[in-house]
């Protein structure tokens, strides 16, 4: 099972790099400064608040399997790992 995790934000690449460094991220980030990706997948508005960073899980066929429209750093990695396991049919 090859799933892909991608971070998407409206931040410029240099701001993304600081975020990547601060949280030691090991997955790619896409700079969506025009917010076209964020808008297309409904990740921009969450309870009336504009999301700055989202996480996308891409399945082996290249389809978006899950979107976390607003990322909370605490516990997020565990949520992503659980979603990958569920996508691949693995338990816990």
N, C-alpha and C. Protein backbone atom coordinates (compact mmCIF):
# COMPACT_ATOMS: atom_id res chain seq x y z
N UNK A 1 0.86 -1.18 0.00
CA UNK A 1 0.00 0.00 0.00
C UNK A 1 0.89 1.23 0.00
N UNK A 2 0.78 2.02 -1.01
CA UNK A 2 1.54 3.27 -1.07
C UNK A 2 0.58 4.45 -1.06
N UNK A 3 0.47 5.07 0.10
CA UNK A 3 -0.33 6.28 0.23
C UNK A 3 0.64 7.44 0.32
N UNK A 4 0.15 8.61 -0.01
CA UNK A 4 0.98 9.81 0.03
C UNK A 4 0.31 10.84 0.92
N UNK A 5 1.10 11.39 1.82
CA UNK A 5 0.63 12.47 2.69
C UNK A 5 1.25 13.76 2.17
N UNK A 6 0.42 14.78 1.97
CA UNK A 6 0.89 16.06 1.45
C UNK A 6 0.28 17.18 2.29
N UNK A 7 1.11 18.10 2.71
CA UNK A 7 0.63 19.29 3.38
C UNK A 7 0.36 20.37 2.35
N UNK A 8 -0.72 21.10 2.54
CA UNK A 8 -1.08 22.18 1.62
C UNK A 8 -1.36 23.42 2.45
N UNK A 9 -0.77 24.52 2.06
CA UNK A 9 -1.06 25.77 2.76
C UNK A 9 -0.98 26.94 1.80
N UNK A 10 -1.60 28.02 2.21
CA UNK A 10 -1.56 29.25 1.42
C UNK A 10 -0.28 30.04 1.68
N UNK A 11 0.55 29.52 2.57
CA UNK A 11 1.82 30.19 2.89
C UNK A 11 2.79 30.16 1.72
N UNK A 12 3.64 31.16 1.67
CA UNK A 12 4.73 31.17 0.69
C UNK A 12 5.74 30.09 1.09
N UNK A 13 6.50 29.56 0.10
CA UNK A 13 7.44 28.48 0.39
C UNK A 13 8.41 28.77 1.55
N UNK A 14 8.88 30.00 1.68
CA UNK A 14 9.84 30.28 2.76
C UNK A 14 9.18 30.18 4.14
N UNK A 15 7.91 30.51 4.23
CA UNK A 15 7.18 30.37 5.50
C UNK A 15 6.91 28.89 5.75
N UNK A 16 6.57 28.16 4.70
CA UNK A 16 6.38 26.72 4.84
C UNK A 16 7.64 26.05 5.36
N UNK A 17 8.79 26.47 4.85
CA UNK A 17 10.04 25.84 5.27
C UNK A 17 10.27 26.03 6.77
N UNK A 18 9.94 27.20 7.28
CA UNK A 18 10.08 27.42 8.73
C UNK A 18 9.14 26.48 9.50
N UNK A 19 7.93 26.28 9.00
CA UNK A 19 6.97 25.37 9.61
C UNK A 19 7.50 23.93 9.56
N UNK A 20 8.03 23.53 8.40
CA UNK A 20 8.60 22.19 8.23
C UNK A 20 9.74 21.97 9.22
N UNK A 21 10.62 22.96 9.33
CA UNK A 21 11.76 22.85 10.24
C UNK A 21 11.31 22.80 11.70
N UNK A 22 10.38 23.65 12.07
CA UNK A 22 9.91 23.74 13.45
C UNK A 22 9.30 22.42 13.92
N UNK A 23 8.49 21.80 13.06
CA UNK A 23 7.79 20.58 13.45
C UNK A 23 8.42 19.31 12.89
N UNK A 24 9.59 19.45 12.24
CA UNK A 24 10.36 18.32 11.71
C UNK A 24 9.49 17.43 10.82
N UNK A 25 8.78 18.06 9.90
CA UNK A 25 7.90 17.32 9.00
C UNK A 25 8.72 16.49 8.01
N UNK A 26 8.20 15.32 7.68
CA UNK A 26 8.89 14.42 6.76
C UNK A 26 8.10 14.17 5.48
N UNK A 27 7.09 15.00 5.23
CA UNK A 27 6.29 14.86 4.02
C UNK A 27 6.33 16.18 3.25
N UNK A 28 6.04 16.14 1.95
CA UNK A 28 6.11 17.36 1.15
C UNK A 28 4.99 18.34 1.48
N UNK A 29 5.28 19.61 1.25
CA UNK A 29 4.30 20.68 1.40
C UNK A 29 4.10 21.33 0.03
N UNK A 30 2.87 21.68 -0.28
CA UNK A 30 2.55 22.39 -1.51
C UNK A 30 2.13 23.81 -1.13
N UNK A 31 2.77 24.79 -1.77
CA UNK A 31 2.42 26.19 -1.54
C UNK A 31 1.25 26.53 -2.47
N UNK A 32 0.07 26.68 -1.86
CA UNK A 32 -1.15 26.98 -2.62
C UNK A 32 -1.52 28.44 -2.36
N UNK A 33 -0.63 29.34 -2.77
CA UNK A 33 -0.81 30.76 -2.45
C UNK A 33 -2.06 31.34 -3.08
N UNK A 34 -2.53 30.78 -4.17
CA UNK A 34 -3.77 31.23 -4.79
C UNK A 34 -5.00 30.56 -4.21
N UNK A 35 -4.80 29.62 -3.32
CA UNK A 35 -5.84 28.86 -2.61
C UNK A 35 -6.75 28.05 -3.54
N UNK A 36 -6.28 27.71 -4.72
CA UNK A 36 -7.13 26.95 -5.64
C UNK A 36 -7.35 25.51 -5.17
N UNK A 37 -6.32 24.87 -4.67
CA UNK A 37 -6.46 23.51 -4.16
C UNK A 37 -7.31 23.50 -2.90
N UNK A 38 -7.04 24.42 -2.01
CA UNK A 38 -7.79 24.52 -0.76
C UNK A 38 -9.27 24.77 -1.06
N UNK A 39 -9.55 25.68 -1.98
CA UNK A 39 -10.94 25.97 -2.35
C UNK A 39 -11.61 24.76 -3.02
N UNK A 40 -10.89 24.09 -3.89
CA UNK A 40 -11.47 22.99 -4.66
C UNK A 40 -11.89 21.82 -3.79
N UNK A 41 -11.23 21.62 -2.68
CA UNK A 41 -11.52 20.47 -1.83
C UNK A 41 -12.17 20.86 -0.51
N UNK A 42 -12.75 22.02 -0.46
CA UNK A 42 -13.54 22.41 0.69
C UNK A 42 -12.77 22.61 1.97
N UNK A 43 -11.48 22.81 1.87
CA UNK A 43 -10.66 22.91 3.07
C UNK A 43 -10.47 24.35 3.53
N UNK A 44 -11.02 25.30 2.80
CA UNK A 44 -10.74 26.70 3.12
C UNK A 44 -11.56 27.20 4.31
N UNK A 45 -12.84 26.93 4.32
CA UNK A 45 -13.69 27.43 5.40
C UNK A 45 -14.05 26.30 6.35
N UNK A 46 -13.70 26.47 7.60
CA UNK A 46 -14.05 25.52 8.65
C UNK A 46 -14.68 26.33 9.77
N UNK A 47 -15.95 26.15 9.95
CA UNK A 47 -16.68 26.89 10.98
C UNK A 47 -16.45 28.40 10.86
N UNK A 48 -16.39 28.88 9.62
CA UNK A 48 -16.23 30.30 9.39
C UNK A 48 -14.81 30.81 9.51
N UNK A 49 -13.86 29.93 9.75
CA UNK A 49 -12.46 30.33 9.90
C UNK A 49 -11.69 29.84 8.68
N UNK A 50 -10.89 30.71 8.09
CA UNK A 50 -10.10 30.32 6.94
C UNK A 50 -8.91 29.46 7.38
N UNK A 51 -8.84 28.24 6.86
CA UNK A 51 -7.75 27.33 7.20
C UNK A 51 -6.47 27.77 6.53
N UNK A 52 -5.38 27.76 7.27
CA UNK A 52 -4.09 28.13 6.70
C UNK A 52 -3.32 26.90 6.24
N UNK A 53 -3.52 25.80 6.92
CA UNK A 53 -2.78 24.58 6.55
C UNK A 53 -3.73 23.39 6.58
N UNK A 54 -3.62 22.55 5.58
CA UNK A 54 -4.43 21.34 5.48
C UNK A 54 -3.51 20.18 5.17
N UNK A 55 -4.00 18.98 5.46
CA UNK A 55 -3.26 17.77 5.12
C UNK A 55 -4.15 16.93 4.22
N UNK A 56 -3.56 16.42 3.15
CA UNK A 56 -4.27 15.58 2.20
C UNK A 56 -3.64 14.19 2.21
N UNK A 57 -4.48 13.17 2.25
CA UNK A 57 -4.02 11.78 2.13
C UNK A 57 -4.45 11.30 0.75
N UNK A 58 -3.48 10.91 -0.05
CA UNK A 58 -3.71 10.46 -1.43
C UNK A 58 -3.58 8.94 -1.46
N UNK A 59 -4.58 8.26 -2.02
CA UNK A 59 -4.55 6.80 -2.06
C UNK A 59 -3.66 6.31 -3.21
N UNK A 60 -3.42 4.99 -3.28
CA UNK A 60 -2.53 4.45 -4.32
C UNK A 60 -2.96 4.75 -5.75
N UNK A 61 -4.27 5.01 -5.96
CA UNK A 61 -4.76 5.32 -7.31
C UNK A 61 -4.65 6.81 -7.62
N UNK A 62 -4.13 7.58 -6.67
CA UNK A 62 -3.97 9.02 -6.89
C UNK A 62 -5.18 9.85 -6.53
N UNK A 63 -6.15 9.24 -5.86
CA UNK A 63 -7.36 9.97 -5.44
C UNK A 63 -7.19 10.50 -4.02
N UNK A 64 -7.84 11.60 -3.74
CA UNK A 64 -7.81 12.14 -2.39
C UNK A 64 -8.70 11.26 -1.52
N UNK A 65 -8.08 10.62 -0.53
CA UNK A 65 -8.81 9.71 0.34
C UNK A 65 -9.33 10.41 1.59
N UNK A 66 -8.62 11.44 2.03
CA UNK A 66 -9.02 12.16 3.24
C UNK A 66 -8.37 13.54 3.22
N UNK A 67 -9.09 14.50 3.77
CA UNK A 67 -8.56 15.86 3.92
C UNK A 67 -8.79 16.28 5.36
N UNK A 68 -7.74 16.76 6.00
CA UNK A 68 -7.86 17.41 7.30
C UNK A 68 -7.82 18.90 7.01
N UNK A 69 -8.97 19.57 7.01
CA UNK A 69 -9.02 20.96 6.56
C UNK A 69 -8.29 21.94 7.48
N UNK A 70 -8.24 21.64 8.74
CA UNK A 70 -7.53 22.52 9.66
C UNK A 70 -6.67 21.65 10.55
N UNK A 71 -5.38 21.83 10.46
CA UNK A 71 -4.43 20.96 11.15
C UNK A 71 -4.16 21.47 12.56
N UNK A 72 -4.34 20.57 13.52
CA UNK A 72 -3.90 20.81 14.90
C UNK A 72 -2.65 19.97 15.06
N UNK A 73 -1.54 20.58 15.40
CA UNK A 73 -0.27 19.86 15.45
C UNK A 73 -0.31 18.72 16.46
N UNK A 74 -0.84 18.97 17.64
CA UNK A 74 -0.89 17.95 18.68
C UNK A 74 -1.81 16.80 18.26
N UNK A 75 -1.26 15.60 18.15
CA UNK A 75 -2.04 14.41 17.81
C UNK A 75 -2.31 14.21 16.33
N UNK A 76 -1.92 15.16 15.51
CA UNK A 76 -2.23 15.07 14.07
C UNK A 76 -1.53 13.87 13.42
N UNK A 77 -0.28 13.66 13.76
CA UNK A 77 0.46 12.54 13.16
C UNK A 77 -0.23 11.21 13.46
N UNK A 78 -0.74 11.05 14.68
CA UNK A 78 -1.44 9.82 15.04
C UNK A 78 -2.71 9.66 14.20
N UNK A 79 -3.42 10.75 13.97
CA UNK A 79 -4.63 10.70 13.14
C UNK A 79 -4.31 10.28 11.71
N UNK A 80 -3.21 10.82 11.18
CA UNK A 80 -2.81 10.51 9.81
C UNK A 80 -2.41 9.04 9.70
N UNK A 81 -1.62 8.56 10.66
CA UNK A 81 -1.20 7.15 10.65
C UNK A 81 -2.42 6.23 10.74
N UNK A 82 -3.37 6.56 11.59
CA UNK A 82 -4.59 5.76 11.72
C UNK A 82 -5.37 5.74 10.40
N UNK A 83 -5.43 6.87 9.70
CA UNK A 83 -6.13 6.93 8.42
C UNK A 83 -5.42 6.09 7.36
N UNK A 84 -4.10 6.11 7.37
CA UNK A 84 -3.33 5.29 6.43
C UNK A 84 -3.59 3.79 6.70
N UNK A 85 -3.59 3.44 7.98
CA UNK A 85 -3.86 2.04 8.34
C UNK A 85 -5.27 1.63 7.91
N UNK A 86 -6.23 2.51 8.14
CA UNK A 86 -7.61 2.21 7.74
C UNK A 86 -7.72 2.08 6.22
N UNK A 87 -7.01 2.91 5.52
CA UNK A 87 -7.03 2.87 4.05
C UNK A 87 -6.46 1.56 3.54
N UNK A 88 -5.47 1.04 4.25
CA UNK A 88 -4.83 -0.20 3.81
C UNK A 88 -5.49 -1.44 4.42
N UNK A 89 -6.53 -1.23 5.26
CA UNK A 89 -7.25 -2.36 5.85
C UNK A 89 -6.57 -2.94 7.06
N UNK A 90 -5.57 -2.25 7.62
CA UNK A 90 -4.88 -2.72 8.82
C UNK A 90 -5.65 -2.25 10.05
N UNK A 91 -5.58 -3.02 11.08
CA UNK A 91 -6.18 -2.63 12.35
C UNK A 91 -5.12 -1.95 13.22
N UNK A 92 -5.59 -0.98 14.06
CA UNK A 92 -4.77 -0.28 15.05
C UNK A 92 -3.38 -0.30 14.77
